[in-house]
Amino acid sequence: MQIITASQIFDRFTVGSFIAPLEAAMRDVSAGRATHPPRHAVPVGGGRGRMGVMYGALGDPAIHGAKILSLFPGAPAMGLSSHQGMVMLFESEFGRPLAALDADALTALRTAAASMMATRALARPDPRVFAICGAGEQAEWHLRGVLESFAPEEVRLWARRPDAAEALARRMPESDVRVRAVATLEEALQGAEVVTTATVAREAFLPGALLEPGQHVNLVGASLADAREIDDAGVARLTMFTDSAESASREAGEILEARAAGAIPPDYPVTEIGAVLAGDAPGRRDADQITGYKSHGLIVQDLAAGWHVVQALTGAGTAAV
């Protein structure tokens, strides 16, 4: 069994490395060829964090596995990731363990890759102005993903702590792209074609009234039913897409709360991105439509990304690993 560290993953792979494997995994989810039961999370550390467990399987490649995480929002203040743990990967012919991969690195890259995938599928063609809300680990990887996957003219960074947004802007490598911190959400969103929320917010901070026709919004930071980033008015304005409609029915705090408040109807449509990628469902219908991608983060994304890493690092197929 391979032990694959964070440094091995970060040294060899970028956000863009995982877009194609994730596209295939999302098509399999929507076609019923992948298994991803509900995740489990229990409070630990006197309520300071949670232990999360996700498990599932892919049919092609024939692999299965689990992800075990410590979810501690306060960890970054100590120089640690908020998501620490491992992804265990097995082959599904004889059940052999293939690899244990650092979950922090894999999660960071595959989460940003999923947003890049959704942006390619749902945003207006050739977006040039991006806004990222947040200044933590995921905000940084989304920023790196945007610079790698698109040809932006400007990326605006907004965070509740302006100094954190300014520090993130300064960490970027030299490039011709204007990356700047802005003081207000209004300044971040005005004229932006793609808006990404990558925060640890528990309550909505993004007002739907600020959204503009034609924008695409990636909702990334809140992945459980008791957290959200956009308000009811925003949910009502979005044509919503997600990685898994079944997961959204249980865990999309924005949608659940907007429905409970009567801001959206009981049959508010949520379309899986895999169906769009496969050509089985429409994506963006016109230039003025406001699209949204609710990212939950599925175990099959970790499995697909982990298998991509194992293949690249070992140069072998399942039978030879």
Protein backbone atom coordinates (compact mmCIF):
# COMPACT_ATOMS: atom_id res chain seq x y z
CA MET A 1 0.00 0.00 0.00
CA GLN A 2 1.29 3.43 -0.93
CA ILE A 3 1.53 6.21 1.65
CA ILE A 4 1.18 9.50 -0.23
CA THR A 5 2.01 12.69 1.62
CA ALA A 6 0.81 16.25 1.18
CA SER A 7 4.18 17.32 -0.20
CA GLN A 8 4.06 14.60 -2.85
CA ILE A 9 0.64 15.81 -3.96
CA PHE A 10 1.43 19.53 -3.90
CA ASP A 11 4.79 19.02 -5.63
CA ARG A 12 3.31 17.08 -8.54
CA PHE A 13 -0.28 18.29 -9.03
CA THR A 14 -2.20 21.51 -9.54
CA VAL A 15 -5.90 22.36 -9.39
CA GLY A 16 -6.19 21.82 -13.12
CA SER A 17 -4.80 18.28 -12.80
CA PHE A 18 -8.07 17.09 -11.31
CA ILE A 19 -10.69 18.69 -13.54
CA ALA A 20 -10.90 15.82 -16.05
CA PRO A 21 -11.09 13.05 -13.38
CA LEU A 22 -13.80 14.99 -11.56
CA GLU A 23 -15.81 15.49 -14.74
CA ALA A 24 -15.83 11.72 -15.29
CA ALA A 25 -16.81 11.09 -11.66
CA MET A 26 -19.68 13.59 -11.82
CA ARG A 27 -21.04 12.01 -14.99
CA ASP A 28 -20.97 8.65 -13.19
CA VAL A 29 -22.82 10.09 -10.18
CA SER A 30 -25.64 11.38 -12.37
CA ALA A 31 -25.75 8.11 -14.34
CA GLY A 32 -26.04 6.03 -11.16
CA ARG A 33 -22.65 4.40 -11.64
CA ALA A 34 -21.15 5.73 -8.38
CA THR A 35 -21.99 5.15 -4.74
CA HIS A 36 -21.81 7.90 -2.12
CA PRO A 37 -23.88 7.19 1.02
CA PRO A 38 -24.61 10.05 3.46
CA ARG A 39 -21.55 11.29 5.31
CA HIS A 40 -21.34 11.17 9.08
CA ALA A 41 -19.96 13.80 11.45
CA VAL A 42 -19.78 13.76 15.24
CA PRO A 43 -18.67 16.54 17.63
CA VAL A 44 -15.26 16.02 19.21
CA GLY A 45 -12.87 18.00 21.37
CA GLY A 46 -15.57 19.46 23.57
CA GLY A 47 -17.33 20.89 20.55
CA ARG A 48 -14.21 22.50 19.08
CA GLY A 49 -14.41 20.27 16.02
CA ARG A 50 -16.00 17.31 14.30
CA MET A 51 -14.83 13.96 13.05
CA GLY A 52 -16.21 13.30 9.59
CA VAL A 53 -16.42 9.99 7.73
CA MET A 54 -17.28 9.60 4.04
CA TYR A 55 -17.23 6.37 2.05
CA GLY A 56 -18.26 5.17 -1.39
CA ALA A 57 -17.26 3.55 -4.67
CA LEU A 58 -16.70 4.15 -8.38
CA GLY A 59 -17.42 1.65 -11.14
CA ASP A 60 -14.81 2.89 -13.62
CA PRO A 61 -12.16 2.73 -12.34
CA ALA A 62 -13.33 -0.08 -10.06
CA ILE A 63 -12.25 1.41 -6.74
CA HIS A 64 -13.79 2.11 -3.36
CA GLY A 65 -12.66 3.84 -0.22
CA ALA A 66 -13.23 6.15 2.70
CA LYS A 67 -12.19 9.56 3.91
CA ILE A 68 -11.66 10.22 7.61
CA LEU A 69 -11.28 13.84 8.66
CA SER A 70 -10.80 16.01 11.69
CA LEU A 71 -12.78 19.20 10.98
CA PHE A 72 -11.48 21.96 13.24
CA PRO A 73 -12.33 25.55 12.16
CA GLY A 74 -9.84 26.94 14.67
CA ALA A 75 -6.89 24.92 13.36
CA PRO A 76 -5.71 27.50 10.76
CA ALA A 77 -4.91 29.91 13.61
CA MET A 78 -2.29 27.35 14.67
CA GLY A 79 -0.90 27.02 11.16
CA LEU A 80 -2.85 23.83 10.46
CA SER A 81 -5.51 22.97 7.91
CA SER A 82 -9.14 22.98 9.03
CA HIS A 83 -9.47 19.57 7.27
CA GLN A 84 -6.91 17.01 8.48
CA GLY A 85 -7.04 13.30 7.80
CA MET A 86 -6.62 10.67 5.14
CA VAL A 87 -8.28 9.14 2.09
CA MET A 88 -8.07 5.33 1.96
CA LEU A 89 -8.23 3.86 -1.54
CA PHE A 90 -8.99 0.19 -2.37
CA GLU A 91 -9.36 -1.72 -5.63
CA SER A 92 -12.75 -3.40 -6.04
CA GLU A 93 -11.73 -6.69 -7.69
CA PHE A 94 -10.14 -8.33 -4.65
CA GLY A 95 -10.43 -5.53 -2.09
CA ARG A 96 -6.73 -4.76 -1.77
CA PRO A 97 -5.78 -1.43 -0.15
CA LEU A 98 -3.95 0.70 -2.70
CA ALA A 99 -3.05 3.92 -0.92
CA ALA A 100 -3.52 6.21 2.04
CA LEU A 101 -3.38 9.80 0.82
CA ASP A 102 -3.13 13.04 2.77
CA ALA A 103 -6.69 14.37 2.81
CA ASP A 104 -5.75 18.02 3.38
CA ALA A 105 -3.88 18.29 0.09
CA LEU A 106 -6.33 16.17 -1.88
CA THR A 107 -9.35 18.06 -0.55
CA ALA A 108 -7.79 21.45 -1.23
CA LEU A 109 -7.05 20.67 -4.86
CA ARG A 110 -10.16 18.66 -5.77
CA THR A 111 -12.55 21.19 -4.17
CA ALA A 112 -11.12 24.03 -6.21
CA ALA A 113 -11.06 21.80 -9.29
CA ALA A 114 -14.78 21.09 -8.88
CA SER A 115 -15.49 24.83 -8.89
CA MET A 116 -13.36 25.31 -12.01
CA MET A 117 -15.27 22.43 -13.64
CA ALA A 118 -18.62 24.00 -12.77
CA THR A 119 -17.49 27.43 -13.91
CA ARG A 120 -16.46 26.07 -17.30
CA ALA A 121 -19.84 24.37 -17.67
CA LEU A 122 -22.13 27.09 -16.34
CA ALA A 123 -20.54 30.54 -16.59
CA ARG A 124 -20.70 32.71 -19.68
CA PRO A 125 -17.88 31.89 -22.12
CA ASP A 126 -14.44 33.33 -21.44
CA PRO A 127 -15.07 35.05 -18.08
CA ARG A 128 -12.58 37.82 -17.35
CA VAL A 129 -13.56 39.27 -13.94
CA PHE A 130 -13.69 36.99 -10.88
CA ALA A 131 -14.63 37.69 -7.26
CA ILE A 132 -13.60 35.39 -4.41
CA CYS A 133 -15.13 35.77 -0.95
CA GLY A 134 -12.83 34.48 1.75
CA ALA A 135 -9.10 34.53 2.37
CA GLY A 136 -8.34 31.11 3.82
CA GLU A 137 -6.94 27.91 2.38
CA GLN A 138 -9.80 27.23 -0.02
CA ALA A 139 -9.89 30.84 -1.19
CA GLU A 140 -6.19 30.59 -2.06
CA TRP A 141 -6.62 27.35 -4.02
CA HIS A 142 -9.60 28.79 -5.85
CA LEU A 143 -7.53 31.82 -6.75
CA ARG A 144 -4.74 29.58 -8.03
CA GLY A 145 -7.31 27.54 -9.95
CA VAL A 146 -8.72 30.64 -11.64
CA LEU A 147 -5.25 31.80 -12.69
CA GLU A 148 -4.46 28.35 -14.06
CA SER A 149 -7.79 27.48 -15.72
CA PHE A 150 -8.94 30.78 -17.20
CA ALA A 151 -7.55 33.99 -18.68
CA PRO A 152 -8.79 36.56 -16.16
CA GLU A 153 -8.12 40.25 -16.40
CA GLU A 154 -8.88 40.84 -12.74
CA VAL A 155 -9.51 38.78 -9.60
CA ARG A 156 -11.01 40.59 -6.62
CA LEU A 157 -10.62 39.27 -3.09
CA TRP A 158 -13.01 40.15 -0.27
CA ALA A 159 -12.93 38.90 3.30
CA ARG A 160 -14.41 40.05 6.58
CA ARG A 161 -10.82 40.72 7.63
CA PRO A 162 -9.40 43.10 5.00
CA ASP A 163 -5.85 42.37 6.14
CA ALA A 164 -6.33 38.67 5.34
CA ALA A 165 -7.52 39.48 1.81
CA GLU A 166 -4.58 41.81 1.31
CA ALA A 167 -2.15 39.15 2.55
CA LEU A 168 -3.61 36.60 0.13
CA ALA A 169 -3.24 39.01 -2.78
CA ARG A 170 0.42 39.51 -1.89
CA ARG A 171 1.10 35.74 -1.82
CA MET A 172 0.33 35.28 -5.49
CA PRO A 173 3.17 34.70 -7.92
CA GLU A 174 4.10 37.37 -10.41
CA SER A 175 1.61 37.50 -13.26
CA ASP A 176 -0.07 39.89 -15.63
CA VAL A 177 -3.40 39.37 -13.86
CA ARG A 178 -4.58 42.08 -11.52
CA VAL A 179 -5.24 40.42 -8.15
CA ARG A 180 -6.48 42.90 -5.58
CA ALA A 181 -8.20 43.02 -2.23
CA VAL A 182 -11.36 45.12 -2.05
CA ALA A 183 -13.03 46.64 0.97
CA THR A 184 -16.68 45.84 0.32
CA LEU A 185 -18.82 43.06 -1.12
CA GLU A 186 -20.41 45.58 -3.43
CA GLU A 187 -17.04 46.40 -4.97
CA ALA A 188 -16.17 42.72 -5.27
CA LEU A 189 -19.38 41.73 -7.04
CA GLN A 190 -20.04 44.71 -9.29
CA GLY A 191 -19.29 43.61 -12.84
CA ALA A 192 -17.84 40.25 -11.77
CA GLU A 193 -18.76 37.38 -14.07
CA VAL A 194 -17.89 34.61 -11.60
CA VAL A 195 -18.37 34.84 -7.82
CA THR A 196 -16.99 32.18 -5.48
CA THR A 197 -17.76 31.95 -1.76
CA ALA A 198 -15.11 29.98 0.12
CA THR A 199 -15.65 30.93 3.74
CA VAL A 200 -16.32 29.34 7.12
CA ALA A 201 -19.52 31.36 7.54
CA ARG A 202 -22.39 29.70 9.38
CA GLU A 203 -24.94 32.36 8.39
CA ALA A 204 -25.64 34.03 5.05
CA PHE A 205 -23.45 37.00 4.22
CA LEU A 206 -24.00 37.26 0.44
CA PRO A 207 -27.16 39.28 -0.34
CA GLY A 208 -29.08 38.19 -3.39
CA ALA A 209 -29.82 41.85 -4.11
CA LEU A 210 -26.16 42.30 -5.13
CA LEU A 211 -26.25 39.62 -7.83
CA GLU A 212 -26.22 40.82 -11.41
CA PRO A 213 -27.67 39.25 -14.58
CA GLY A 214 -25.30 36.75 -16.18
CA GLN A 215 -23.22 35.98 -13.12
CA HIS A 216 -22.20 32.50 -12.04
CA VAL A 217 -21.89 31.78 -8.31
CA ASN A 218 -19.90 28.90 -6.78
CA LEU A 219 -21.13 28.19 -3.23
CA VAL A 220 -18.25 26.27 -1.67
CA GLY A 221 -17.72 27.03 2.01
CA ALA A 222 -20.89 25.65 3.61
CA SER A 223 -21.32 21.90 3.13
CA LEU A 224 -23.69 20.96 5.96
CA ALA A 225 -27.36 21.67 6.62
CA ASP A 226 -26.64 24.08 9.48
CA ALA A 227 -24.45 26.46 7.48
CA ARG A 228 -24.99 28.77 4.51
CA GLU A 229 -23.31 31.63 2.62
CA ILE A 230 -26.07 33.22 0.49
CA ASP A 231 -29.43 34.58 1.66
CA ASP A 232 -32.94 33.48 0.67
CA ALA A 233 -33.27 36.18 -1.97
CA GLY A 234 -30.07 34.98 -3.57
CA VAL A 235 -31.21 31.37 -3.65
CA ALA A 236 -34.45 32.47 -5.30
CA ARG A 237 -32.53 34.30 -8.02
CA LEU A 238 -30.20 31.40 -8.82
CA THR A 239 -30.73 28.61 -11.31
CA MET A 240 -29.21 25.99 -9.05
CA PHE A 241 -26.83 23.16 -9.93
CA THR A 242 -24.98 20.81 -7.61
CA ASP A 243 -22.72 17.77 -7.48
CA SER A 244 -25.46 15.55 -6.02
CA ALA A 245 -29.16 16.35 -5.83
CA GLU A 246 -29.56 13.72 -3.10
CA SER A 247 -26.86 15.39 -1.00
CA ALA A 248 -28.45 18.79 -1.60
CA SER A 249 -31.79 17.49 -0.32
CA ARG A 250 -30.13 16.77 3.04
CA GLU A 251 -27.19 19.14 3.36
CA ALA A 252 -27.72 22.33 1.34
CA GLY A 253 -28.40 24.79 4.15
CA GLU A 254 -29.14 27.62 1.72
CA ILE A 255 -31.81 25.64 -0.12
CA LEU A 256 -33.32 24.01 2.97
CA GLU A 257 -33.71 27.29 4.83
CA ALA A 258 -34.99 29.20 1.79
CA ARG A 259 -37.61 26.51 1.23
CA ALA A 260 -38.63 26.55 4.90
CA ALA A 261 -39.01 30.33 4.74
CA GLY A 262 -41.21 30.12 1.65
CA ALA A 263 -38.68 32.02 -0.48
CA ILE A 264 -38.57 29.17 -3.01
CA PRO A 265 -41.23 26.59 -3.88
CA PRO A 266 -41.12 22.99 -2.65
CA ASP A 267 -40.22 21.86 -6.18
CA TYR A 268 -37.34 24.33 -6.57
CA PRO A 269 -35.23 22.66 -9.26
CA VAL A 270 -31.66 21.54 -8.54
CA THR A 271 -29.78 20.01 -11.48
CA GLU A 272 -26.73 17.79 -11.15
CA ILE A 273 -23.60 19.04 -12.88
CA GLY A 274 -22.89 15.50 -14.11
CA ALA A 275 -26.10 15.54 -16.15
CA VAL A 276 -25.04 18.83 -17.72
CA LEU A 277 -21.57 17.47 -18.54
CA ALA A 278 -23.12 14.36 -20.10
CA GLY A 279 -25.50 16.43 -22.22
CA ASP A 280 -28.54 15.02 -20.44
CA ALA A 281 -29.65 18.33 -18.89
CA PRO A 282 -29.30 21.95 -19.98
CA GLY A 283 -26.80 24.23 -18.31
CA ARG A 284 -26.88 27.98 -18.83
CA ARG A 285 -29.84 28.88 -21.03
CA ASP A 286 -29.03 32.52 -21.84
CA ALA A 287 -26.53 35.29 -21.15
CA ASP A 288 -28.63 36.94 -18.41
CA GLN A 289 -29.37 33.83 -16.37
CA ILE A 290 -27.75 33.75 -12.90
CA THR A 291 -26.39 30.26 -12.32
CA GLY A 292 -25.25 28.76 -9.05
CA TYR A 293 -23.21 25.67 -8.21
CA LYS A 294 -23.72 24.23 -4.72
CA SER A 295 -20.56 22.28 -3.90
CA HIS A 296 -20.93 19.59 -1.23
CA GLY A 297 -17.75 17.66 -1.91
CA LEU A 298 -18.42 13.99 -2.56
CA ILE A 299 -16.35 10.96 -1.63
CA VAL A 300 -16.33 9.93 -5.27
CA GLN A 301 -14.46 13.15 -6.04
CA ASP A 302 -11.80 12.13 -3.51
CA LEU A 303 -11.66 8.63 -4.98
CA ALA A 304 -11.30 9.91 -8.54
CA ALA A 305 -8.65 12.42 -7.51
CA GLY A 306 -6.85 9.83 -5.37
CA TRP A 307 -6.80 7.30 -8.20
CA HIS A 308 -5.38 9.96 -10.51
CA VAL A 309 -2.58 10.58 -8.00
CA VAL A 310 -1.83 6.87 -7.55
CA GLN A 311 -1.65 6.32 -11.29
CA ALA A 312 0.64 9.27 -11.84
CA LEU A 313 2.98 8.50 -8.95
CA THR A 314 3.23 4.74 -9.53
CA GLY A 315 2.81 4.62 -13.30
CA ALA A 316 0.69 1.51 -12.85
CA GLY A 317 -2.86 0.30 -13.26
CA THR A 318 -4.93 -1.38 -10.57
CA ALA A 319 -3.56 -4.88 -11.16
CA ALA A 320 0.06 -3.82 -10.74
CA VAL A 321 -0.20 -1.48 -7.76
